[in-house]
PDB file of N, CA and C in Angstrom:
ATOM      1  N   UNK A   1     -12.727  19.565  47.106  1.00  0.00           N
ATOM      2  CA  UNK A   1     -11.848  19.833  46.005  1.00  0.00           C
ATOM      3  C   UNK A   1     -12.638  19.672  44.710  1.00  0.00           C
ATOM      4  N   UNK A   2     -12.427  20.579  43.809  1.00  0.00           N
ATOM      5  CA  UNK A   2     -13.114  20.498  42.525  1.00  0.00           C
ATOM      6  C   UNK A   2     -12.234  19.763  41.514  1.00  0.00           C
ATOM      7  N   UNK A   3     -12.760  19.578  40.310  1.00  0.00           N
ATOM      8  CA  UNK A   3     -12.018  18.845  39.280  1.00  0.00           C
ATOM      9  C   UNK A   3     -10.718  19.533  38.896  1.00  0.00           C
ATOM     10  N   UNK A   4     -10.729  20.853  38.877  1.00  0.00           N
ATOM     11  CA  UNK A   4      -9.509  21.592  38.524  1.00  0.00           C
ATOM     12  C   UNK A   4      -8.432  21.383  39.587  1.00  0.00           C
ATOM     13  N   UNK A   5      -8.834  21.387  40.840  1.00  0.00           N
ATOM     14  CA  UNK A   5      -7.880  21.154  41.925  1.00  0.00           C
ATOM     15  C   UNK A   5      -7.319  19.744  41.880  1.00  0.00           C
ATOM     16  N   UNK A   6      -8.177  18.776  41.582  1.00  0.00           N
ATOM     17  CA  UNK A   6      -7.722  17.389  41.474  1.00  0.00           C
ATOM     18  C   UNK A   6      -6.763  17.230  40.312  1.00  0.00           C
ATOM     19  N   UNK A   7      -7.074  17.858  39.187  1.00  0.00           N
ATOM     20  CA  UNK A   7      -6.195  17.767  38.016  1.00  0.00           C
ATOM     21  C   UNK A   7      -4.840  18.407  38.303  1.00  0.00           C
ATOM     22  N   UNK A   8      -4.832  19.534  38.988  1.00  0.00           N
ATOM     23  CA  UNK A   8      -3.571  20.199  39.330  1.00  0.00           C
ATOM     24  C   UNK A   8      -2.744  19.331  40.272  1.00  0.00           C
ATOM     25  N   UNK A   9      -3.401  18.707  41.243  1.00  0.00           N
ATOM     26  CA  UNK A   9      -2.692  17.827  42.173  1.00  0.00           C
ATOM     27  C   UNK A   9      -2.119  16.622  41.450  1.00  0.00           C
ATOM     28  N   UNK A  10      -2.888  16.031  40.557  1.00  0.00           N
ATOM     29  CA  UNK A  10      -2.416  14.883  39.792  1.00  0.00           C
ATOM     30  C   UNK A  10      -1.224  15.255  38.918  1.00  0.00           C
ATOM     31  N   UNK A  11      -1.255  16.442  38.336  1.00  0.00           N
ATOM     32  CA  UNK A  11      -0.134  16.899  37.517  1.00  0.00           C
ATOM     33  C   UNK A  11       1.132  17.057  38.354  1.00  0.00           C
ATOM     34  N   UNK A  12       0.999  17.589  39.555  1.00  0.00           N
ATOM     35  CA  UNK A  12       2.148  17.746  40.451  1.00  0.00           C
ATOM     36  C   UNK A  12       2.698  16.388  40.881  1.00  0.00           C
ATOM     37  N   UNK A  13       1.809  15.455  41.160  1.00  0.00           N
ATOM     38  CA  UNK A  13       2.244  14.115  41.546  1.00  0.00           C
ATOM     39  C   UNK A  13       2.984  13.448  40.397  1.00  0.00           C
ATOM     40  N   UNK A  14       2.441  13.569  39.203  1.00  0.00           N
ATOM     41  CA  UNK A  14       3.082  12.987  38.013  1.00  0.00           C
ATOM     42  C   UNK A  14       4.465  13.591  37.786  1.00  0.00           C
ATOM     43  N   UNK A  15       4.559  14.887  37.932  1.00  0.00           N
ATOM     44  CA  UNK A  15       5.837  15.590  37.758  1.00  0.00           C
ATOM     45  C   UNK A  15       6.870  15.093  38.779  1.00  0.00           C
ATOM     46  N   UNK A  16       6.455  14.979  40.024  1.00  0.00           N
ATOM     47  CA  UNK A  16       7.359  14.514  41.085  1.00  0.00           C
ATOM     48  C   UNK A  16       7.751  13.062  40.872  1.00  0.00           C
ATOM     49  N   UNK A  17       6.807  12.251  40.431  1.00  0.00           N
ATOM     50  CA  UNK A  17       7.086  10.838  40.186  1.00  0.00           C
ATOM     51  C   UNK A  17       8.111  10.673  39.078  1.00  0.00           C
ATOM     52  N   UNK A  18       7.934  11.420  37.994  1.00  0.00           N
ATOM     53  CA  UNK A  18       8.882  11.344  36.881  1.00  0.00           C
ATOM     54  C   UNK A  18      10.260  11.832  37.299  1.00  0.00           C
ATOM     55  N   UNK A  19      10.306  12.904  38.065  1.00  0.00           N
ATOM     56  CA  UNK A  19      11.591  13.438  38.522  1.00  0.00           C
ATOM     57  C   UNK A  19      12.285  12.424  39.418  1.00  0.00           C
ATOM     58  N   UNK A  20      11.552  11.824  40.320  1.00  0.00           N
ATOM     59  CA  UNK A  20      12.122  10.846  41.240  1.00  0.00           C
ATOM     60  C   UNK A  20      12.622   9.617  40.471  1.00  0.00           C
ATOM     61  N   UNK A  21      11.848   9.158  39.489  1.00  0.00           N
ATOM     62  CA  UNK A  21      12.213   7.977  38.711  1.00  0.00           C
ATOM     63  C   UNK A  21      13.476   8.210  37.888  1.00  0.00           C
ATOM     64  N   UNK A  22      13.680   9.436  37.445  1.00  0.00           N
ATOM     65  CA  UNK A  22      14.853   9.730  36.624  1.00  0.00           C
ATOM     66  C   UNK A  22      16.054  10.164  37.463  1.00  0.00           C
ATOM     67  N   UNK A  23      15.882  10.160  38.783  1.00  0.00           N
ATOM     68  CA  UNK A  23      16.993  10.508  39.663  1.00  0.00           C
ATOM     69  C   UNK A  23      17.122  11.987  39.955  1.00  0.00           C
ATOM     70  N   UNK A  24      16.191  12.776  39.434  1.00  0.00           N
ATOM     71  CA  UNK A  24      16.217  14.210  39.718  1.00  0.00           C
ATOM     72  C   UNK A  24      15.717  14.448  41.136  1.00  0.00           C
ATOM     73  N   UNK A  25      16.122  15.566  41.681  1.00  0.00           N
ATOM     74  CA  UNK A  25      15.660  15.917  43.013  1.00  0.00           C
ATOM     75  C   UNK A  25      14.233  16.460  42.933  1.00  0.00           C
ATOM     76  N   UNK A  26      13.396  15.997  43.832  1.00  0.00           N
ATOM     77  CA  UNK A  26      11.998  16.424  43.867  1.00  0.00           C
ATOM     78  C   UNK A  26      11.877  17.606  44.825  1.00  0.00           C
ATOM     79  N   UNK A  27      11.186  18.619  44.373  1.00  0.00           N
ATOM     80  CA  UNK A  27      10.996  19.821  45.172  1.00  0.00           C
ATOM     81  C   UNK A  27      10.183  19.510  46.430  1.00  0.00           C
ATOM     82  N   UNK A  28      10.685  19.905  47.587  1.00  0.00           N
ATOM     83  CA  UNK A  28       9.978  19.670  48.846  1.00  0.00           C
ATOM     84  C   UNK A  28       8.680  20.458  48.939  1.00  0.00           C
ATOM     85  N   UNK A  29       8.522  21.495  48.130  1.00  0.00           N
ATOM     86  CA  UNK A  29       7.328  22.336  48.191  1.00  0.00           C
ATOM     87  C   UNK A  29       6.069  21.564  47.819  1.00  0.00           C
ATOM     88  N   UNK A  30       6.210  20.458  47.123  1.00  0.00           N
ATOM     89  CA  UNK A  30       5.023  19.685  46.737  1.00  0.00           C
ATOM     90  C   UNK A  30       4.383  19.028  47.955  1.00  0.00           C
ATOM     91  N   UNK A  31       5.123  18.782  48.990  1.00  0.00           N
ATOM     92  CA  UNK A  31       4.589  18.086  50.155  1.00  0.00           C
ATOM     93  C   UNK A  31       3.488  18.875  50.857  1.00  0.00           C
ATOM     94  N   UNK A  32       3.646  20.152  50.991  1.00  0.00           N
ATOM     95  CA  UNK A  32       2.656  20.942  51.727  1.00  0.00           C
ATOM     96  C   UNK A  32       1.302  20.927  51.033  1.00  0.00           C
ATOM     97  N   UNK A  33       1.222  21.206  49.726  1.00  0.00           N
ATOM     98  CA  UNK A  33      -0.099  21.150  49.088  1.00  0.00           C
ATOM     99  C   UNK A  33      -0.718  19.755  49.138  1.00  0.00           C
ATOM    100  N   UNK A  34       0.097  18.716  48.973  1.00  0.00           N
ATOM    101  CA  UNK A  34      -0.457  17.376  49.006  1.00  0.00           C
ATOM    102  C   UNK A  34      -0.943  17.013  50.401  1.00  0.00           C
ATOM    103  N   UNK A  35      -0.207  17.406  51.423  1.00  0.00           N
ATOM    104  CA  UNK A  35      -0.670  17.151  52.784  1.00  0.00           C
ATOM    105  C   UNK A  35      -1.970  17.892  53.045  1.00  0.00           C
ATOM    106  N   UNK A  36      -2.081  19.094  52.511  1.00  0.00           N
ATOM    107  CA  UNK A  36      -3.317  19.863  52.686  1.00  0.00           C
ATOM    108  C   UNK A  36      -4.484  19.173  51.975  1.00  0.00           C
ATOM    109  N   UNK A  37      -4.224  18.607  50.802  1.00  0.00           N
ATOM    110  CA  UNK A  37      -5.278  17.894  50.078  1.00  0.00           C
ATOM    111  C   UNK A  37      -5.671  16.614  50.798  1.00  0.00           C
ATOM    112  N   UNK A  38      -4.680  15.873  51.253  1.00  0.00           N
ATOM    113  CA  UNK A  38      -4.950  14.605  51.915  1.00  0.00           C
ATOM    114  C   UNK A  38      -5.718  14.822  53.215  1.00  0.00           C
ATOM    115  N   UNK A  39      -5.368  15.866  53.942  1.00  0.00           N
ATOM    116  CA  UNK A  39      -6.007  16.117  55.223  1.00  0.00           C
ATOM    117  C   UNK A  39      -7.171  17.077  55.172  1.00  0.00           C
ATOM    118  N   UNK A  40      -7.620  17.432  53.980  1.00  0.00           N
ATOM    119  CA  UNK A  40      -8.737  18.376  53.850  1.00  0.00           C
ATOM    120  C   UNK A  40      -9.981  17.798  54.517  1.00  0.00           C
ATOM    121  N   UNK A  41     -10.687  18.616  55.292  1.00  0.00           N
ATOM    122  CA  UNK A  41     -11.880  18.126  55.993  1.00  0.00           C
ATOM    123  C   UNK A  41     -12.907  17.474  55.065  1.00  0.00           C
ATOM    124  N   UNK A  42     -13.078  18.012  53.870  1.00  0.00           N
ATOM    125  CA  UNK A  42     -14.038  17.434  52.928  1.00  0.00           C
ATOM    126  C   UNK A  42     -13.625  16.019  52.549  1.00  0.00           C
ATOM    127  N   UNK A  43     -12.332  15.811  52.344  1.00  0.00           N
ATOM    128  CA  UNK A  43     -11.838  14.489  51.973  1.00  0.00           C
ATOM    129  C   UNK A  43     -12.010  13.519  53.133  1.00  0.00           C
ATOM    130  N   UNK A  44     -11.696  13.968  54.338  1.00  0.00           N
ATOM    131  CA  UNK A  44     -11.846  13.117  55.516  1.00  0.00           C
ATOM    132  C   UNK A  44     -13.307  12.707  55.679  1.00  0.00           C
ATOM    133  N   UNK A  45     -14.226  13.645  55.478  1.00  0.00           N
ATOM    134  CA  UNK A  45     -15.658  13.337  55.577  1.00  0.00           C
ATOM    135  C   UNK A  45     -16.071  12.290  54.545  1.00  0.00           C
ATOM    136  N   UNK A  46     -15.646  12.484  53.300  1.00  0.00           N
ATOM    137  CA  UNK A  46     -15.995  11.524  52.238  1.00  0.00           C
ATOM    138  C   UNK A  46     -15.397  10.158  52.523  1.00  0.00           C
ATOM    139  N   UNK A  47     -14.164  10.138  53.012  1.00  0.00           N
ATOM    140  CA  UNK A  47     -13.502   8.884  53.328  1.00  0.00           C
ATOM    141  C   UNK A  47     -14.227   8.161  54.463  1.00  0.00           C
ATOM    142  N   UNK A  48     -14.639   8.902  55.472  1.00  0.00           N
ATOM    143  CA  UNK A  48     -15.372   8.308  56.597  1.00  0.00           C
ATOM    144  C   UNK A  48     -16.691   7.699  56.124  1.00  0.00           C
ATOM    145  N   UNK A  49     -17.412   8.413  55.283  1.00  0.00           N
ATOM    146  CA  UNK A  49     -18.677   7.897  54.747  1.00  0.00           C
ATOM    147  C   UNK A  49     -18.414   6.627  53.941  1.00  0.00           C
ATOM    148  N   UNK A  50     -17.383   6.637  53.111  1.00  0.00           N
ATOM    149  CA  UNK A  50     -17.042   5.464  52.311  1.00  0.00           C
ATOM    150  C   UNK A  50     -16.734   4.266  53.205  1.00  0.00           C
ATOM    151  N   UNK A  51     -15.949   4.473  54.240  1.00  0.00           N
ATOM    152  CA  UNK A  51     -15.570   3.364  55.131  1.00  0.00           C
ATOM    153  C   UNK A  51     -16.811   2.802  55.832  1.00  0.00           C
ATOM    154  N   UNK A  52     -17.666   3.660  56.334  1.00  0.00           N
ATOM    155  CA  UNK A  52     -18.881   3.197  57.022  1.00  0.00           C
ATOM    156  C   UNK A  52     -19.774   2.428  56.056  1.00  0.00           C
ATOM    157  N   UNK A  53     -19.988   2.966  54.861  1.00  0.00           N
ATOM    158  CA  UNK A  53     -20.837   2.268  53.879  1.00  0.00           C
ATOM    159  C   UNK A  53     -20.245   0.928  53.491  1.00  0.00           C
ATOM    160  N   UNK A  54     -18.941   0.902  53.293  1.00  0.00           N
ATOM    161  CA  UNK A  54     -18.271  -0.346  52.923  1.00  0.00           C
ATOM    162  C   UNK A  54     -18.396  -1.365  54.059  1.00  0.00           C
ATOM    163  N   UNK A  55     -18.166  -0.928  55.281  1.00  0.00           N
ATOM    164  CA  UNK A  55     -18.230  -1.807  56.447  1.00  0.00           C
ATOM    165  C   UNK A  55     -19.643  -2.374  56.622  1.00  0.00           C
ATOM    166  N   UNK A  56     -20.652  -1.534  56.404  1.00  0.00           N
ATOM    167  CA  UNK A  56     -22.030  -1.981  56.569  1.00  0.00           C
ATOM    168  C   UNK A  56     -22.441  -3.003  55.509  1.00  0.00           C
ATOM    169  N   UNK A  57     -21.826  -2.951  54.327  1.00  0.00           N
ATOM    170  CA  UNK A  57     -22.138  -3.931  53.276  1.00  0.00           C
ATOM    171  C   UNK A  57     -21.571  -5.278  53.681  1.00  0.00           C
TER     172      UNK A  57
END
């Protein structure tokens, strides 16, 4: 994910958080892009490297 993709995801999360906090209904469509970001192979690879490096320290 590039910086633009991260910024767009953060904006969507912020929007959903504000809507939820004010009692508005949050659009279910946000779940699919976020699940795709969370489960992206690049992210999983980076997370695995981070965990191994942290564990080895």
